[in-house]
Amino acid sequence: FKVFPNPTSGNLSIHLGYNYNSIKAELFSIDGKLVDSYIFNNSSVVDLLIDNPAGYYFINLQASDSKKAVIKVLKK
């Protein structure tokens, strides 16, 4: 998959390369606190807005077919 732009000013796109029935995306702060949670249905692209202070964040992605990924993002 492709993640851009990283670092970001807030808008972030994740191109998954495959269309998934359901994707759960969770945004965590660097200290492990859940900041936001999203559900995307029938999608190959996840568009997020990180509307939080500058810093590092982790995005946990989980697809309906049990595939998982963790992405580290810098919000400037």
C-alpha atoms as a PDB file:
ATOM      1  CA  PHE A   1       0.000   0.000   0.000  1.00  0.00           C
ATOM      2  CA  LYS A   2       0.938   3.664  -0.324  1.00  0.00           C
ATOM      3  CA  VAL A   3       0.635   6.338   2.369  1.00  0.00           C
ATOM      4  CA  PHE A   4       0.913  10.011   1.476  1.00  0.00           C
ATOM      5  CA  PRO A   5       1.767  12.664   2.314  1.00  0.00           C
ATOM      6  CA  ASN A   6       3.918  11.624   5.247  1.00  0.00           C
ATOM      7  CA  PRO A   7       4.679  13.906   7.002  1.00  0.00           C
ATOM      8  CA  THR A   8       1.224  15.424   6.689  1.00  0.00           C
ATOM      9  CA  SER A   9      -0.454  18.681   7.636  1.00  0.00           C
ATOM     10  CA  GLY A  10      -3.589  16.685   8.505  1.00  0.00           C
ATOM     11  CA  ASN A  11      -5.059  15.109   5.356  1.00  0.00           C
ATOM     12  CA  LEU A  12      -3.731  11.611   4.755  1.00  0.00           C
ATOM     13  CA  SER A  13      -4.520   9.036   2.040  1.00  0.00           C
ATOM     14  CA  ILE A  14      -3.789   5.337   2.290  1.00  0.00           C
ATOM     15  CA  HIS A  15      -4.094   3.444  -0.999  1.00  0.00           C
ATOM     16  CA  LEU A  16      -4.555  -0.223  -0.148  1.00  0.00           C
ATOM     17  CA  GLY A  17      -4.071  -1.682  -3.626  1.00  0.00           C
ATOM     18  CA  TYR A  18      -7.143  -3.887  -3.232  1.00  0.00           C
ATOM     19  CA  ASN A  19     -10.853  -3.276  -2.596  1.00  0.00           C
ATOM     20  CA  TYR A  20     -11.878  -4.474   0.884  1.00  0.00           C
ATOM     21  CA  ASN A  21     -15.433  -5.057   2.107  1.00  0.00           C
ATOM     22  CA  SER A  22     -14.641  -3.434   5.442  1.00  0.00           C
ATOM     23  CA  ILE A  23     -11.641  -1.614   6.889  1.00  0.00           C
ATOM     24  CA  LYS A  24     -11.318  -0.449  10.486  1.00  0.00           C
ATOM     25  CA  ALA A  25      -8.794   2.332  11.064  1.00  0.00           C
ATOM     26  CA  GLU A  26      -7.775   3.424  14.550  1.00  0.00           C
ATOM     27  CA  LEU A  27      -5.619   6.482  15.208  1.00  0.00           C
ATOM     28  CA  PHE A  28      -3.379   6.324  18.282  1.00  0.00           C
ATOM     29  CA  SER A  29      -1.159   8.998  19.806  1.00  0.00           C
ATOM     30  CA  ILE A  30       2.528   8.188  20.326  1.00  0.00           C
ATOM     31  CA  ASP A  31       1.781   7.347  23.976  1.00  0.00           C
ATOM     32  CA  GLY A  32      -0.808   4.726  22.947  1.00  0.00           C
ATOM     33  CA  LYS A  33      -4.056   6.615  23.571  1.00  0.00           C
ATOM     34  CA  LEU A  34      -6.886   6.024  21.097  1.00  0.00           C
ATOM     35  CA  VAL A  35      -7.551   9.353  19.366  1.00  0.00           C
ATOM     36  CA  ASP A  36     -10.139   8.361  16.741  1.00  0.00           C
ATOM     37  CA  SER A  37     -11.695   5.354  15.051  1.00  0.00           C
ATOM     38  CA  TYR A  38     -13.098   4.989  11.533  1.00  0.00           C
ATOM     39  CA  ILE A  39     -14.907   2.335   9.472  1.00  0.00           C
ATOM     40  CA  PHE A  40     -14.673   2.243   5.669  1.00  0.00           C
ATOM     41  CA  ASN A  41     -16.883  -0.053   3.589  1.00  0.00           C
ATOM     42  CA  ASN A  42     -16.179  -1.364   0.095  1.00  0.00           C
ATOM     43  CA  SER A  43     -13.059   0.736  -0.324  1.00  0.00           C
ATOM     44  CA  SER A  44      -9.515   0.567  -1.651  1.00  0.00           C
ATOM     45  CA  VAL A  45      -8.602   4.035  -0.344  1.00  0.00           C
ATOM     46  CA  VAL A  46      -8.687   5.304   3.230  1.00  0.00           C
ATOM     47  CA  ASP A  47      -8.771   9.107   3.580  1.00  0.00           C
ATOM     48  CA  LEU A  48      -8.189  10.430   7.084  1.00  0.00           C
ATOM     49  CA  LEU A  49      -8.054  13.851   8.651  1.00  0.00           C
ATOM     50  CA  ILE A  50      -5.726  14.068  11.640  1.00  0.00           C
ATOM     51  CA  ASP A  51      -7.246  17.040  13.432  1.00  0.00           C
ATOM     52  CA  ASN A  52      -4.922  16.854  16.424  1.00  0.00           C
ATOM     53  CA  PRO A  53      -1.709  18.575  17.546  1.00  0.00           C
ATOM     54  CA  ALA A  54       1.563  18.048  15.686  1.00  0.00           C
ATOM     55  CA  GLY A  55       3.474  14.882  16.530  1.00  0.00           C
ATOM     56  CA  TYR A  56       3.787  11.183  15.737  1.00  0.00           C
ATOM     57  CA  TYR A  57       0.720   8.962  15.442  1.00  0.00           C
ATOM     58  CA  PHE A  58       0.090   5.294  14.715  1.00  0.00           C
ATOM     59  CA  ILE A  59      -2.701   4.109  12.448  1.00  0.00           C
ATOM     60  CA  ASN A  60      -3.846   0.528  12.970  1.00  0.00           C
ATOM     61  CA  LEU A  61      -5.650  -0.896   9.955  1.00  0.00           C
ATOM     62  CA  GLN A  62      -7.639  -4.113  10.065  1.00  0.00           C
ATOM     63  CA  ALA A  63      -9.440  -5.531   7.053  1.00  0.00           C
ATOM     64  CA  SER A  64     -12.472  -7.796   7.114  1.00  0.00           C
ATOM     65  CA  ASP A  65     -10.262 -10.681   5.911  1.00  0.00           C
ATOM     66  CA  SER A  66      -8.044 -10.328   9.047  1.00  0.00           C
ATOM     67  CA  LYS A  67      -5.160  -8.559   7.287  1.00  0.00           C
ATOM     68  CA  LYS A  68      -3.520  -5.979   9.568  1.00  0.00           C
ATOM     69  CA  ALA A  69      -1.059  -3.124   9.235  1.00  0.00           C
ATOM     70  CA  VAL A  70       0.397  -0.443  11.492  1.00  0.00           C
ATOM     71  CA  ILE A  71       1.521   2.855   9.969  1.00  0.00           C
ATOM     72  CA  LYS A  72       3.598   5.529  11.697  1.00  0.00           C
ATOM     73  CA  VAL A  73       2.659   9.066  10.618  1.00  0.00           C
ATOM     74  CA  LEU A  74       4.137  12.449  11.438  1.00  0.00           C
ATOM     75  CA  LYS A  75       1.723  15.374  11.616  1.00  0.00           C
ATOM     76  CA  LYS A  76       3.581  18.651  11.201  1.00  0.00           C
END
